[in-house]
């Protein structure tokens, strides 16, 4: 017999109330929501464990995603923030020793923001914490099943994004 989860009971409770309810759709959507909440909690715990607030992590994450060096304007675009807001964020992470600002070697008017070793280490630690949980959860699937799940979710996201939904990062 297949194992049951919380969502199975949820669907059973709602089926008599909403007879037209498709249990497969409700089950899949509810499970995606619950997994999202679970992973968000794990991410928040990793921030606590690494003494980061969400803004600091996001700033380090976007900077790491650019190879560890970026202009403040690039980070502003990546974070979808006004340049003044990025300046405040950079001040905070620079005070903590996670980044340093240096004059650009290619444009005297520009400043480059560089991830420090401590910033990279802290970001990697927080990422690893979440990555371990993602691996634990998806580890119940074999590689072919993970590829199939990924493909199916991609197909769903293409439809979601096509209806005016935003691409999330």
C-alpha atoms as a PDB file:
ATOM      1  CA  UNK A   1       0.000   0.000   0.000  1.00  0.00           C
ATOM      2  CA  UNK A   2       1.244   3.470  -0.891  1.00  0.00           C
ATOM      3  CA  UNK A   3       2.091   5.806   1.992  1.00  0.00           C
ATOM      4  CA  UNK A   4      -0.336   8.605   2.747  1.00  0.00           C
ATOM      5  CA  UNK A   5       0.481  12.198   3.526  1.00  0.00           C
ATOM      6  CA  UNK A   6      -1.426  15.137   4.984  1.00  0.00           C
ATOM      7  CA  UNK A   7      -2.739  16.112   1.547  1.00  0.00           C
ATOM      8  CA  UNK A   8      -4.528  12.779   1.107  1.00  0.00           C
ATOM      9  CA  UNK A   9      -6.682  13.596   4.135  1.00  0.00           C
ATOM     10  CA  UNK A  10      -7.172  17.164   2.892  1.00  0.00           C
ATOM     11  CA  UNK A  11      -8.470  15.948  -0.483  1.00  0.00           C
ATOM     12  CA  UNK A  12     -10.772  13.401   1.203  1.00  0.00           C
ATOM     13  CA  UNK A  13     -12.267  16.131   3.422  1.00  0.00           C
ATOM     14  CA  UNK A  14     -12.926  18.448   0.479  1.00  0.00           C
ATOM     15  CA  UNK A  15     -14.254  15.906  -2.032  1.00  0.00           C
ATOM     16  CA  UNK A  16     -17.748  15.677  -0.410  1.00  0.00           C
ATOM     17  CA  UNK A  17     -17.903  19.475  -0.101  1.00  0.00           C
ATOM     18  CA  UNK A  18     -16.853  20.057  -3.727  1.00  0.00           C
ATOM     19  CA  UNK A  19     -17.869  16.941  -5.715  1.00  0.00           C
ATOM     20  CA  UNK A  20     -16.441  18.427  -8.933  1.00  0.00           C
ATOM     21  CA  UNK A  21     -13.012  18.702  -7.291  1.00  0.00           C
ATOM     22  CA  UNK A  22     -10.359  16.858  -9.289  1.00  0.00           C
ATOM     23  CA  UNK A  23      -8.406  15.012  -6.575  1.00  0.00           C
ATOM     24  CA  UNK A  24      -5.287  14.784  -8.753  1.00  0.00           C
ATOM     25  CA  UNK A  25      -5.201  18.534  -9.422  1.00  0.00           C
ATOM     26  CA  UNK A  26      -6.013  19.418  -5.800  1.00  0.00           C
ATOM     27  CA  UNK A  27      -3.448  16.933  -4.543  1.00  0.00           C
ATOM     28  CA  UNK A  28      -0.690  18.182  -6.834  1.00  0.00           C
ATOM     29  CA  UNK A  29      -1.349  21.871  -6.166  1.00  0.00           C
ATOM     30  CA  UNK A  30      -1.635  21.368  -2.407  1.00  0.00           C
ATOM     31  CA  UNK A  31       1.580  19.343  -2.321  1.00  0.00           C
ATOM     32  CA  UNK A  32       3.434  22.013  -4.347  1.00  0.00           C
ATOM     33  CA  UNK A  33       2.199  24.681  -1.920  1.00  0.00           C
ATOM     34  CA  UNK A  34       3.209  22.648   1.125  1.00  0.00           C
ATOM     35  CA  UNK A  35       6.630  21.849  -0.364  1.00  0.00           C
ATOM     36  CA  UNK A  36       7.133  25.536  -1.113  1.00  0.00           C
ATOM     37  CA  UNK A  37       6.263  26.446   2.479  1.00  0.00           C
ATOM     38  CA  UNK A  38       8.570  23.698   3.787  1.00  0.00           C
ATOM     39  CA  UNK A  39      11.497  24.865   1.652  1.00  0.00           C
ATOM     40  CA  UNK A  40      10.852  28.494   2.623  1.00  0.00           C
ATOM     41  CA  UNK A  41      11.047  27.496   6.311  1.00  0.00           C
ATOM     42  CA  UNK A  42      14.286  25.604   5.714  1.00  0.00           C
ATOM     43  CA  UNK A  43      15.711  28.627   3.868  1.00  0.00           C
ATOM     44  CA  UNK A  44      14.670  30.940   6.716  1.00  0.00           C
ATOM     45  CA  UNK A  45      16.312  28.593   9.227  1.00  0.00           C
ATOM     46  CA  UNK A  46      19.512  28.628   7.170  1.00  0.00           C
ATOM     47  CA  UNK A  47      19.485  32.435   7.334  1.00  0.00           C
ATOM     48  CA  UNK A  48      19.128  32.287  11.124  1.00  0.00           C
ATOM     49  CA  UNK A  49      21.917  29.726  11.376  1.00  0.00           C
ATOM     50  CA  UNK A  50      24.232  31.885   9.257  1.00  0.00           C
ATOM     51  CA  UNK A  51      23.133  35.162  10.907  1.00  0.00           C
ATOM     52  CA  UNK A  52      21.853  36.645   7.651  1.00  0.00           C
ATOM     53  CA  UNK A  53      18.704  38.580   6.998  1.00  0.00           C
ATOM     54  CA  UNK A  54      16.786  38.001   3.797  1.00  0.00           C
ATOM     55  CA  UNK A  55      18.068  41.176   2.135  1.00  0.00           C
ATOM     56  CA  UNK A  56      21.681  40.303   2.911  1.00  0.00           C
ATOM     57  CA  UNK A  57      21.272  36.801   1.529  1.00  0.00           C
ATOM     58  CA  UNK A  58      19.537  38.045  -1.627  1.00  0.00           C
ATOM     59  CA  UNK A  59      22.294  40.595  -2.218  1.00  0.00           C
ATOM     60  CA  UNK A  60      25.059  38.002  -1.749  1.00  0.00           C
ATOM     61  CA  UNK A  61      23.130  35.537  -3.926  1.00  0.00           C
ATOM     62  CA  UNK A  62      22.761  37.960  -6.828  1.00  0.00           C
ATOM     63  CA  UNK A  63      26.401  38.990  -6.545  1.00  0.00           C
ATOM     64  CA  UNK A  64      27.547  35.355  -6.488  1.00  0.00           C
ATOM     65  CA  UNK A  65      25.358  34.713  -9.523  1.00  0.00           C
ATOM     66  CA  UNK A  66      27.402  37.294 -11.409  1.00  0.00           C
ATOM     67  CA  UNK A  67      30.665  35.532 -10.613  1.00  0.00           C
ATOM     68  CA  UNK A  68      31.286  37.531  -7.430  1.00  0.00           C
ATOM     69  CA  UNK A  69      31.721  40.948  -9.064  1.00  0.00           C
ATOM     70  CA  UNK A  70      29.113  43.418 -10.300  1.00  0.00           C
ATOM     71  CA  UNK A  71      28.342  47.079 -10.597  1.00  0.00           C
ATOM     72  CA  UNK A  72      25.736  48.408  -8.145  1.00  0.00           C
ATOM     73  CA  UNK A  73      23.477  49.200 -11.111  1.00  0.00           C
ATOM     74  CA  UNK A  74      23.623  45.540 -12.192  1.00  0.00           C
ATOM     75  CA  UNK A  75      22.687  44.421  -8.685  1.00  0.00           C
ATOM     76  CA  UNK A  76      19.850  46.961  -8.621  1.00  0.00           C
ATOM     77  CA  UNK A  77      18.483  45.468 -11.843  1.00  0.00           C
ATOM     78  CA  UNK A  78      18.926  41.893 -10.582  1.00  0.00           C
ATOM     79  CA  UNK A  79      17.199  42.714  -7.289  1.00  0.00           C
ATOM     80  CA  UNK A  80      14.550  44.879  -8.990  1.00  0.00           C
ATOM     81  CA  UNK A  81      15.373  47.765  -6.660  1.00  0.00           C
ATOM     82  CA  UNK A  82      16.112  51.451  -6.958  1.00  0.00           C
ATOM     83  CA  UNK A  83      19.846  52.243  -6.943  1.00  0.00           C
ATOM     84  CA  UNK A  84      19.516  54.067  -3.594  1.00  0.00           C
ATOM     85  CA  UNK A  85      18.058  50.925  -2.006  1.00  0.00           C
ATOM     86  CA  UNK A  86      20.994  48.881  -3.266  1.00  0.00           C
ATOM     87  CA  UNK A  87      23.432  51.394  -1.796  1.00  0.00           C
ATOM     88  CA  UNK A  88      21.895  50.817   1.635  1.00  0.00           C
ATOM     89  CA  UNK A  89      22.096  47.052   1.219  1.00  0.00           C
ATOM     90  CA  UNK A  90      25.702  47.248   0.079  1.00  0.00           C
ATOM     91  CA  UNK A  91      26.586  49.452   3.048  1.00  0.00           C
ATOM     92  CA  UNK A  92      25.185  46.786   5.392  1.00  0.00           C
ATOM     93  CA  UNK A  93      26.949  43.796   3.815  1.00  0.00           C
ATOM     94  CA  UNK A  94      30.172  45.769   3.457  1.00  0.00           C
ATOM     95  CA  UNK A  95      30.116  46.595   7.200  1.00  0.00           C
ATOM     96  CA  UNK A  96      29.852  42.849   7.868  1.00  0.00           C
ATOM     97  CA  UNK A  97      32.856  42.154   5.636  1.00  0.00           C
ATOM     98  CA  UNK A  98      30.863  40.212   3.026  1.00  0.00           C
ATOM     99  CA  UNK A  99      31.624  42.560   0.118  1.00  0.00           C
ATOM    100  CA  UNK A 100      34.024  45.337  -0.738  1.00  0.00           C
ATOM    101  CA  UNK A 101      33.629  48.171  -3.178  1.00  0.00           C
ATOM    102  CA  UNK A 102      36.564  49.102  -5.350  1.00  0.00           C
ATOM    103  CA  UNK A 103      37.047  51.557  -8.213  1.00  0.00           C
ATOM    104  CA  UNK A 104      36.447  49.898 -11.554  1.00  0.00           C
ATOM    105  CA  UNK A 105      39.537  49.035 -13.541  1.00  0.00           C
ATOM    106  CA  UNK A 106      37.687  49.784 -16.795  1.00  0.00           C
ATOM    107  CA  UNK A 107      35.681  52.921 -15.947  1.00  0.00           C
ATOM    108  CA  UNK A 108      36.850  55.527 -13.425  1.00  0.00           C
ATOM    109  CA  UNK A 109      33.260  56.659 -12.803  1.00  0.00           C
ATOM    110  CA  UNK A 110      32.160  53.177 -11.800  1.00  0.00           C
ATOM    111  CA  UNK A 111      32.535  51.151  -8.619  1.00  0.00           C
ATOM    112  CA  UNK A 112      32.701  47.373  -8.621  1.00  0.00           C
ATOM    113  CA  UNK A 113      31.239  45.332  -5.791  1.00  0.00           C
ATOM    114  CA  UNK A 114      33.203  42.201  -5.005  1.00  0.00           C
ATOM    115  CA  UNK A 115      32.196  39.265  -2.852  1.00  0.00           C
ATOM    116  CA  UNK A 116      34.830  38.673  -0.160  1.00  0.00           C
ATOM    117  CA  UNK A 117      35.974  35.216   0.907  1.00  0.00           C
ATOM    118  CA  UNK A 118      33.882  35.589   4.065  1.00  0.00           C
ATOM    119  CA  UNK A 119      30.849  36.654   2.027  1.00  0.00           C
ATOM    120  CA  UNK A 120      31.240  33.725  -0.362  1.00  0.00           C
ATOM    121  CA  UNK A 121      31.711  31.282   2.513  1.00  0.00           C
ATOM    122  CA  UNK A 122      28.627  32.561   4.346  1.00  0.00           C
ATOM    123  CA  UNK A 123      26.510  32.480   1.183  1.00  0.00           C
ATOM    124  CA  UNK A 124      27.719  28.971   0.295  1.00  0.00           C
ATOM    125  CA  UNK A 125      26.967  27.746   3.808  1.00  0.00           C
ATOM    126  CA  UNK A 126      23.403  29.029   3.677  1.00  0.00           C
ATOM    127  CA  UNK A 127      22.966  27.573   0.176  1.00  0.00           C
ATOM    128  CA  UNK A 128      24.332  24.181   1.248  1.00  0.00           C
ATOM    129  CA  UNK A 129      21.872  23.981   4.132  1.00  0.00           C
ATOM    130  CA  UNK A 130      18.940  24.370   1.733  1.00  0.00           C
ATOM    131  CA  UNK A 131      20.593  22.225  -0.933  1.00  0.00           C
ATOM    132  CA  UNK A 132      20.924  19.311   1.489  1.00  0.00           C
ATOM    133  CA  UNK A 133      17.201  19.443   2.224  1.00  0.00           C
ATOM    134  CA  UNK A 134      16.335  19.639  -1.475  1.00  0.00           C
ATOM    135  CA  UNK A 135      18.528  16.596  -2.114  1.00  0.00           C
ATOM    136  CA  UNK A 136      16.935  14.749   0.817  1.00  0.00           C
ATOM    137  CA  UNK A 137      13.433  15.391  -0.490  1.00  0.00           C
ATOM    138  CA  UNK A 138      14.097  14.645  -4.151  1.00  0.00           C
ATOM    139  CA  UNK A 139      16.370  11.754  -3.214  1.00  0.00           C
ATOM    140  CA  UNK A 140      13.270   9.552  -2.952  1.00  0.00           C
ATOM    141  CA  UNK A 141      13.100   9.748  -6.754  1.00  0.00           C
ATOM    142  CA  UNK A 142      15.526   8.024  -9.087  1.00  0.00           C
ATOM    143  CA  UNK A 143      17.324  10.174 -11.692  1.00  0.00           C
ATOM    144  CA  UNK A 144      14.764   9.410 -14.406  1.00  0.00           C
ATOM    145  CA  UNK A 145      11.895  10.341 -12.095  1.00  0.00           C
ATOM    146  CA  UNK A 146      13.619  13.605 -11.132  1.00  0.00           C
ATOM    147  CA  UNK A 147      14.088  14.430 -14.819  1.00  0.00           C
ATOM    148  CA  UNK A 148      10.435  13.634 -15.506  1.00  0.00           C
ATOM    149  CA  UNK A 149       9.251  15.748 -12.560  1.00  0.00           C
ATOM    150  CA  UNK A 150      11.458  18.623 -13.700  1.00  0.00           C
ATOM    151  CA  UNK A 151      10.093  18.382 -17.234  1.00  0.00           C
ATOM    152  CA  UNK A 152       6.481  18.254 -16.053  1.00  0.00           C
ATOM    153  CA  UNK A 153       6.971  21.276 -13.800  1.00  0.00           C
ATOM    154  CA  UNK A 154       8.628  23.141 -16.680  1.00  0.00           C
ATOM    155  CA  UNK A 155       5.581  22.493 -18.854  1.00  0.00           C
ATOM    156  CA  UNK A 156       3.322  23.851 -16.114  1.00  0.00           C
ATOM    157  CA  UNK A 157       5.532  26.928 -15.619  1.00  0.00           C
ATOM    158  CA  UNK A 158       5.540  27.693 -19.348  1.00  0.00           C
ATOM    159  CA  UNK A 159       1.744  27.903 -19.199  1.00  0.00           C
ATOM    160  CA  UNK A 160       1.836  29.991 -15.989  1.00  0.00           C
ATOM    161  CA  UNK A 161       4.371  32.418 -17.457  1.00  0.00           C
ATOM    162  CA  UNK A 162       2.452  32.657 -20.728  1.00  0.00           C
ATOM    163  CA  UNK A 163      -0.640  34.007 -18.945  1.00  0.00           C
ATOM    164  CA  UNK A 164       1.134  37.141 -17.780  1.00  0.00           C
ATOM    165  CA  UNK A 165       2.788  35.485 -14.822  1.00  0.00           C
ATOM    166  CA  UNK A 166       6.210  36.695 -13.842  1.00  0.00           C
ATOM    167  CA  UNK A 167       9.348  34.633 -14.104  1.00  0.00           C
ATOM    168  CA  UNK A 168      10.537  34.151 -10.541  1.00  0.00           C
ATOM    169  CA  UNK A 169      14.135  34.051  -9.493  1.00  0.00           C
END
